[in-house]
């Protein structure tokens, strides 16, 4: 059972648990009225420290369609964060008012910090360039609906692979299936992070190749082409962004050389990386992908609240004692990733995994 658990990365759910979630999503899609009062009396807290349209609104729509209510903020300037409140204290306060929380934050590992200090389930709606697991659930459900499964697929991932948290999350999820081959299509400046490559190399099931030419990758034969935008908000230099923003554009000409069974996905929003003509192509699945996102999030909320099989959902917000976080010990190696949440909040203790080799918050390599 996943009731009361948090979702910070796709690997937090087993393959079997994902399939249970997708079967529940199937039923919600077919019988939405059956679930219209499943979350009556429940409250979803939304904590969006970073702009969002689709993710925030799809969560709000999901909770409303389940009969629940929503509270929260979409601008940190309207919260006590603007006064210097920590993530830990913000989630503690939200835990007093809500039954489940969703957080998006520009710093990597922020959702993990929230989950460590929360008294209610926490859902990561994107932490910097690190993870975006609910988008991955949406991606996986779309692939399952269009391809019938995940084994043996060749998946092209194109665009901003360095900061593209949707790409990192999708790889994290798909390496658990058999014989998946990833084709990473990006300029050198936006190549996929080393920790993602290490995940693939350690999987024993999957493989990868690197390509700089989108047309070449398409002609090489792809089952899925996952396009991403070049993310202006992740660049320290506008000059570098302007130089790279148009490096990959999918148009009707390129699609004419793609296989008939290819499907094109995109986490949205689209800026200029897919032309309008491609929208009319039956292989373009990104709008139905966005619609599936609401249903998947309905299933996720139900599952974490404990109501996926018609059982009563867990009780409301609870308060109980938790050990306070001590100031960071001296003499420890800080995370080298400047976007890690430990650089935002210096009181956080150093937490590592993989024998001390990786930061537990953002997965950055600490020991080479």
Protein backbone atom coordinates (compact mmCIF):
# COMPACT_ATOMS: atom_id res chain seq x y z
CA UNK A 1 0.00 0.00 0.00
CA UNK A 2 1.18 3.51 -0.85
CA UNK A 3 -1.21 5.34 1.47
CA UNK A 4 0.62 8.05 3.39
CA UNK A 5 3.76 7.81 1.23
CA UNK A 6 5.39 10.66 -0.71
CA UNK A 7 6.40 10.75 -4.38
CA UNK A 8 9.73 12.50 -4.91
CA UNK A 9 11.17 10.47 -7.81
CA UNK A 10 9.62 7.89 -10.18
CA UNK A 11 11.72 5.14 -8.58
CA UNK A 12 9.75 5.65 -5.34
CA UNK A 13 7.11 3.39 -6.92
CA UNK A 14 7.86 -0.15 -8.05
CA UNK A 15 6.91 -1.29 -11.54
CA UNK A 16 4.01 -3.24 -10.02
CA UNK A 17 2.81 -0.18 -8.10
CA UNK A 18 2.97 1.89 -11.27
CA UNK A 19 0.81 -0.66 -13.07
CA UNK A 20 -1.72 -0.56 -10.22
CA UNK A 21 -1.79 3.22 -10.54
CA UNK A 22 -2.32 3.00 -14.31
CA UNK A 23 -5.14 0.50 -13.93
CA UNK A 24 -6.82 2.92 -11.54
CA UNK A 25 -6.26 5.70 -14.10
CA UNK A 26 -7.89 3.51 -16.77
CA UNK A 27 -10.99 3.19 -14.60
CA UNK A 28 -11.09 6.92 -13.84
CA UNK A 29 -10.90 7.70 -17.58
CA UNK A 30 -13.79 5.31 -18.29
CA UNK A 31 -15.91 6.10 -15.20
CA UNK A 32 -15.08 9.61 -13.91
CA UNK A 33 -18.45 9.95 -12.17
CA UNK A 34 -17.59 6.96 -9.97
CA UNK A 35 -14.84 9.02 -8.31
CA UNK A 36 -16.59 12.39 -8.12
CA UNK A 37 -16.91 12.29 -4.31
CA UNK A 38 -13.86 10.21 -3.41
CA UNK A 39 -12.05 13.11 -1.71
CA UNK A 40 -14.93 15.01 -0.15
CA UNK A 41 -13.59 16.61 3.03
CA UNK A 42 -9.96 16.36 1.87
CA UNK A 43 -7.66 19.30 1.13
CA UNK A 44 -4.76 19.50 -1.31
CA UNK A 45 -2.08 22.10 -0.51
CA UNK A 46 -0.25 23.55 -3.53
CA UNK A 47 3.17 25.10 -2.89
CA UNK A 48 4.46 26.54 -6.14
CA UNK A 49 7.71 28.45 -5.65
CA UNK A 50 8.15 28.55 -9.44
CA UNK A 51 5.73 29.45 -12.27
CA UNK A 52 3.46 26.67 -13.54
CA UNK A 53 0.31 26.48 -15.61
CA UNK A 54 -0.37 22.90 -16.70
CA UNK A 55 1.00 21.10 -13.65
CA UNK A 56 -0.66 23.38 -11.08
CA UNK A 57 -4.00 23.53 -12.87
CA UNK A 58 -4.05 19.80 -13.56
CA UNK A 59 -3.52 19.10 -9.85
CA UNK A 60 -6.23 21.56 -8.91
CA UNK A 61 -8.61 20.11 -11.50
CA UNK A 62 -7.80 16.58 -10.33
CA UNK A 63 -8.64 17.38 -6.70
CA UNK A 64 -11.81 19.28 -7.66
CA UNK A 65 -12.98 16.36 -9.82
CA UNK A 66 -12.45 14.04 -6.85
CA UNK A 67 -14.68 16.25 -4.72
CA UNK A 68 -11.88 17.74 -2.61
CA UNK A 69 -10.66 21.30 -2.07
CA UNK A 70 -7.44 23.16 -2.77
CA UNK A 71 -5.48 25.78 -0.85
CA UNK A 72 -1.99 27.17 -1.33
CA UNK A 73 0.04 29.68 -3.31
CA UNK A 74 1.37 30.01 -6.84
CA UNK A 75 3.81 32.82 -6.04
CA UNK A 76 6.32 32.59 -3.17
CA UNK A 77 6.07 36.38 -2.77
CA UNK A 78 2.57 35.84 -1.37
CA UNK A 79 3.81 33.38 1.26
CA UNK A 80 5.97 33.64 4.38
CA UNK A 81 8.91 32.41 2.29
CA UNK A 82 9.30 36.08 1.30
CA UNK A 83 9.95 36.75 5.00
CA UNK A 84 12.67 34.11 5.17
CA UNK A 85 10.67 31.05 6.25
CA UNK A 86 12.41 27.75 5.46
CA UNK A 87 10.96 24.98 3.30
CA UNK A 88 10.86 22.75 6.38
CA UNK A 89 8.74 25.22 8.33
CA UNK A 90 6.46 25.94 5.36
CA UNK A 91 5.60 22.27 4.89
CA UNK A 92 5.14 21.81 8.65
CA UNK A 93 2.53 24.58 8.58
CA UNK A 94 0.85 23.17 5.47
CA UNK A 95 0.69 19.81 7.23
CA UNK A 96 -1.51 21.42 9.87
CA UNK A 97 -4.09 22.49 7.29
CA UNK A 98 -4.12 19.92 4.47
CA UNK A 99 -4.19 16.17 3.85
CA UNK A 100 -1.71 16.05 0.96
CA UNK A 101 0.73 18.59 -0.53
CA UNK A 102 2.24 19.33 -3.94
CA UNK A 103 5.49 21.32 -4.21
CA UNK A 104 7.38 22.85 -7.11
CA UNK A 105 10.65 24.62 -6.38
CA UNK A 106 13.60 25.97 -8.42
CA UNK A 107 16.18 24.35 -6.12
CA UNK A 108 17.04 20.68 -6.62
CA UNK A 109 16.19 18.50 -3.66
CA UNK A 110 13.61 20.91 -2.21
CA UNK A 111 10.82 18.33 -2.52
CA UNK A 112 12.93 15.80 -0.64
CA UNK A 113 13.45 18.31 2.17
CA UNK A 114 9.69 18.90 2.29
CA UNK A 115 8.99 15.17 2.51
CA UNK A 116 11.50 14.77 5.35
CA UNK A 117 9.65 17.36 7.44
CA UNK A 118 6.05 16.76 6.39
CA UNK A 119 3.32 15.04 8.38
CA UNK A 120 1.30 14.39 5.19
CA UNK A 121 2.16 12.90 1.75
CA UNK A 122 4.26 15.19 -0.45
CA UNK A 123 4.23 15.10 -4.26
CA UNK A 124 7.18 16.55 -6.17
CA UNK A 125 5.85 18.72 -9.01
CA UNK A 126 9.37 19.59 -10.17
CA UNK A 127 12.55 20.52 -8.29
CA UNK A 128 14.84 22.63 -10.44
CA UNK A 129 16.46 20.58 -13.19
CA UNK A 130 16.32 17.41 -11.10
CA UNK A 131 13.05 15.42 -11.17
CA UNK A 132 9.42 15.80 -12.26
CA UNK A 133 7.80 12.46 -11.35
CA UNK A 134 4.15 13.32 -12.00
CA UNK A 135 5.02 14.38 -15.54
CA UNK A 136 6.77 11.03 -15.85
CA UNK A 137 3.64 9.20 -14.69
CA UNK A 138 1.79 11.09 -17.42
CA UNK A 139 4.46 10.19 -19.98
CA UNK A 140 4.43 6.53 -19.00
CA UNK A 141 0.65 6.32 -19.10
CA UNK A 142 0.64 7.89 -22.59
CA UNK A 143 3.31 5.44 -23.81
CA UNK A 144 1.35 2.54 -22.31
CA UNK A 145 -1.85 3.74 -24.03
CA UNK A 146 -0.19 4.26 -27.42
CA UNK A 147 2.43 1.49 -27.44
CA UNK A 148 0.86 -1.14 -25.19
CA UNK A 149 3.92 -1.41 -22.97
CA UNK A 150 7.51 -0.30 -22.41
CA UNK A 151 9.87 -3.18 -23.21
CA UNK A 152 12.07 -2.98 -26.30
CA UNK A 153 11.36 0.66 -27.13
CA UNK A 154 13.81 3.13 -28.69
CA UNK A 155 13.25 6.53 -27.09
CA UNK A 156 14.73 9.71 -28.54
CA UNK A 157 15.04 12.59 -26.06
CA UNK A 158 15.74 15.93 -27.70
CA UNK A 159 16.59 19.44 -26.55
CA UNK A 160 17.56 20.58 -23.07
CA UNK A 161 18.81 17.35 -21.53
CA UNK A 162 21.02 19.09 -18.97
CA UNK A 163 18.27 20.95 -17.11
CA UNK A 164 15.31 18.93 -18.42
CA UNK A 165 13.91 17.36 -15.25
CA UNK A 166 11.20 15.59 -17.27
CA UNK A 167 13.95 13.79 -19.21
CA UNK A 168 15.81 12.82 -16.04
CA UNK A 169 12.62 11.47 -14.47
CA UNK A 170 11.58 9.52 -17.57
CA UNK A 171 14.95 7.79 -17.77
CA UNK A 172 14.81 7.06 -14.04
CA UNK A 173 11.47 5.31 -14.57
CA UNK A 174 12.13 3.47 -17.84
CA UNK A 175 15.46 1.87 -16.95
CA UNK A 176 13.46 -0.70 -14.97
CA UNK A 177 11.93 -2.11 -18.15
CA UNK A 178 13.62 -4.51 -20.56
CA UNK A 179 15.78 -3.53 -23.55
CA UNK A 180 14.94 0.17 -23.64
CA UNK A 181 17.39 2.17 -25.76
CA UNK A 182 17.71 5.92 -25.20
CA UNK A 183 18.97 8.27 -27.92
CA UNK A 184 20.12 11.57 -26.38
CA UNK A 185 19.86 14.40 -28.91
CA UNK A 186 21.39 17.66 -27.73
CA UNK A 187 24.26 20.11 -28.20
CA UNK A 188 27.30 19.51 -26.02
CA UNK A 189 26.33 22.40 -23.74
CA UNK A 190 22.99 20.75 -22.87
CA UNK A 191 24.02 17.11 -22.68
CA UNK A 192 22.40 14.80 -20.17
CA UNK A 193 24.00 14.87 -16.66
CA UNK A 194 26.48 12.18 -15.68
CA UNK A 195 24.26 10.82 -12.89
CA UNK A 196 21.58 9.96 -15.48
CA UNK A 197 24.16 8.10 -17.60
CA UNK A 198 25.31 6.20 -14.51
CA UNK A 199 21.72 5.13 -13.84
CA UNK A 200 21.48 3.63 -17.33
CA UNK A 201 24.87 1.93 -17.12
CA UNK A 202 23.92 0.42 -13.77
CA UNK A 203 20.55 -0.88 -14.95
CA UNK A 204 21.80 -3.95 -16.90
CA UNK A 205 18.58 -3.70 -18.95
CA UNK A 206 19.03 -0.60 -21.05
CA UNK A 207 21.45 1.17 -23.35
CA UNK A 208 22.01 4.62 -24.78
CA UNK A 209 23.61 6.49 -27.64
CA UNK A 210 24.35 10.16 -28.24
CA UNK A 211 23.44 12.15 -31.33
CA UNK A 212 23.65 15.85 -32.19
CA UNK A 213 21.46 15.72 -35.33
CA UNK A 214 17.69 15.42 -34.88
CA UNK A 215 17.06 14.42 -38.48
CA UNK A 216 19.67 11.66 -38.26
CA UNK A 217 18.07 10.32 -35.08
CA UNK A 218 14.61 10.29 -36.67
CA UNK A 219 15.86 8.44 -39.76
CA UNK A 220 17.63 5.96 -37.48
CA UNK A 221 14.28 4.67 -36.29
CA UNK A 222 12.57 5.82 -33.10
CA UNK A 223 9.46 4.51 -31.38
CA UNK A 224 9.11 7.68 -29.30
CA UNK A 225 10.46 11.18 -29.85
CA UNK A 226 10.34 13.20 -26.62
CA UNK A 227 10.86 16.87 -27.48
CA UNK A 228 11.72 19.47 -24.84
CA UNK A 229 12.08 23.23 -24.95
CA UNK A 230 15.32 25.07 -24.27
CA UNK A 231 14.52 26.48 -20.82
CA UNK A 232 15.35 30.17 -20.64
CA UNK A 233 14.85 30.26 -16.85
CA UNK A 234 17.69 27.75 -16.28
CA UNK A 235 20.37 29.83 -18.04
CA UNK A 236 22.66 32.19 -16.13
CA UNK A 237 23.58 33.86 -19.42
CA UNK A 238 20.93 35.19 -21.84
CA UNK A 239 23.57 35.21 -24.55
CA UNK A 240 23.99 31.44 -24.24
CA UNK A 241 20.22 30.93 -24.25
CA UNK A 242 19.79 33.02 -27.41
CA UNK A 243 22.52 31.00 -29.11
CA UNK A 244 20.93 27.63 -28.29
CA UNK A 245 17.17 28.27 -28.24
CA UNK A 246 16.54 27.32 -31.87
CA UNK A 247 18.99 24.45 -32.17
CA UNK A 248 16.26 21.80 -32.67
CA UNK A 249 12.97 22.36 -34.48
CA UNK A 250 10.66 19.49 -35.39
CA UNK A 251 8.72 20.29 -38.55
CA UNK A 252 6.62 18.52 -41.17
CA UNK A 253 9.67 17.86 -43.34
CA UNK A 254 11.44 15.93 -40.60
CA UNK A 255 8.22 14.08 -39.73
CA UNK A 256 7.96 12.93 -43.35
CA UNK A 257 11.08 10.83 -42.77
CA UNK A 258 9.85 9.32 -39.50
CA UNK A 259 8.28 5.89 -39.12
CA UNK A 260 4.50 5.53 -39.18
CA UNK A 261 4.46 4.13 -35.64
CA UNK A 262 6.49 6.97 -34.12
CA UNK A 263 4.74 8.99 -31.42
CA UNK A 264 5.85 12.50 -30.48
CA UNK A 265 5.58 13.58 -26.85
CA UNK A 266 6.31 16.92 -25.16
CA UNK A 267 5.92 17.94 -21.49
CA UNK A 268 4.75 21.41 -22.59
CA UNK A 269 4.84 24.35 -22.96
CA UNK A 270 6.01 24.37 -26.58
CA UNK A 271 7.93 27.48 -27.56
CA UNK A 272 9.44 27.10 -31.04
CA UNK A 273 10.78 23.53 -31.03
CA UNK A 274 7.69 22.05 -32.75
CA UNK A 275 6.00 23.85 -35.66
CA UNK A 276 2.23 24.19 -35.87
CA UNK A 277 2.05 21.86 -38.87
CA UNK A 278 3.18 18.94 -36.70
CA UNK A 279 0.15 19.45 -34.42
CA UNK A 280 -2.06 18.06 -37.20
CA UNK A 281 0.03 14.91 -37.59
CA UNK A 282 -1.71 11.88 -35.99
CA UNK A 283 1.64 10.86 -34.51
CA UNK A 284 1.70 14.04 -32.39
CA UNK A 285 0.38 12.93 -28.99
CA UNK A 286 1.31 15.81 -26.71
CA UNK A 287 -2.19 17.26 -26.32
CA UNK A 288 -3.75 13.96 -25.32
CA UNK A 289 -0.67 13.47 -23.13
CA UNK A 290 -1.60 16.69 -21.27
CA UNK A 291 -5.18 15.50 -20.84
CA UNK A 292 -4.01 12.17 -19.46
CA UNK A 293 -2.02 14.15 -16.88
CA UNK A 294 -5.14 15.18 -15.00
CA UNK A 295 -6.44 11.61 -14.79
CA UNK A 296 -3.08 10.26 -13.66
CA UNK A 297 -2.91 12.89 -10.93
CA UNK A 298 -6.43 11.96 -9.80
CA UNK A 299 -5.26 8.37 -9.45
CA UNK A 300 -2.10 9.48 -7.62
CA UNK A 301 -3.98 11.62 -5.10
CA UNK A 302 -6.40 8.77 -4.42
CA UNK A 303 -3.56 6.28 -4.04
CA UNK A 304 -1.51 8.36 -1.59
CA UNK A 305 -4.62 9.13 0.44
CA UNK A 306 -5.41 5.43 0.61
CA UNK A 307 -8.59 5.37 -1.44
CA UNK A 308 -7.51 3.53 -4.57
CA UNK A 309 -9.59 0.42 -3.85
CA UNK A 310 -12.62 2.09 -2.33
CA UNK A 311 -11.18 2.02 1.20
CA UNK A 312 -11.77 5.12 3.35
CA UNK A 313 -9.02 7.64 2.79
CA UNK A 314 -6.57 8.35 5.59
CA UNK A 315 -7.54 10.79 8.31
CA UNK A 316 -6.94 14.51 7.96
CA UNK A 317 -3.83 16.50 8.74
CA UNK A 318 -2.02 15.14 11.77
CA UNK A 319 0.49 16.69 14.15
CA UNK A 320 3.15 14.66 15.88
CA UNK A 321 6.65 15.13 17.24
CA UNK A 322 9.58 15.16 14.85
CA UNK A 323 13.24 15.70 15.57
CA UNK A 324 14.36 19.19 14.61
CA UNK A 325 17.02 19.47 11.93
CA UNK A 326 20.39 20.36 13.46
CA UNK A 327 22.73 22.89 11.83
CA UNK A 328 25.05 21.41 9.23
CA UNK A 329 27.99 19.61 10.84
CA UNK A 330 31.33 21.26 10.27
CA UNK A 331 34.03 19.54 8.28
CA UNK A 332 31.61 17.86 5.84
CA UNK A 333 31.95 18.09 2.06
CA UNK A 334 29.18 20.41 0.76
CA UNK A 335 27.22 19.47 -2.34
CA UNK A 336 29.08 20.79 -5.41
CA UNK A 337 25.82 21.48 -7.26
CA UNK A 338 25.10 25.24 -6.86
CA UNK A 339 21.39 24.58 -7.52
CA UNK A 340 21.13 22.07 -4.67
CA UNK A 341 18.74 23.02 -1.88
CA UNK A 342 21.63 22.85 0.61
CA UNK A 343 22.93 26.11 -0.90
CA UNK A 344 19.55 27.75 -0.32
CA UNK A 345 19.31 26.63 3.31
CA UNK A 346 22.70 26.30 5.07
CA UNK A 347 21.06 24.79 8.18
CA UNK A 348 20.28 21.55 6.31
CA UNK A 349 22.52 18.65 7.32
CA UNK A 350 24.63 16.98 4.67
CA UNK A 351 22.85 13.79 3.56
CA UNK A 352 24.48 11.33 1.18
CA UNK A 353 23.72 7.98 -0.44
CA UNK A 354 25.57 5.30 -2.39
CA UNK A 355 28.25 5.07 0.28
CA UNK A 356 28.67 8.83 0.47
CA UNK A 357 29.24 9.24 -3.27
CA UNK A 358 26.08 11.20 -4.07
CA UNK A 359 24.08 13.99 -2.50
CA UNK A 360 20.80 12.54 -1.22
CA UNK A 361 18.92 15.73 -2.09
CA UNK A 362 19.92 16.32 -5.73
CA UNK A 363 21.91 13.18 -6.76
CA UNK A 364 25.01 15.25 -7.61
CA UNK A 365 28.31 13.38 -7.44
CA UNK A 366 30.25 14.31 -4.30
CA UNK A 367 33.06 11.76 -4.44
CA UNK A 368 34.67 10.93 -7.78
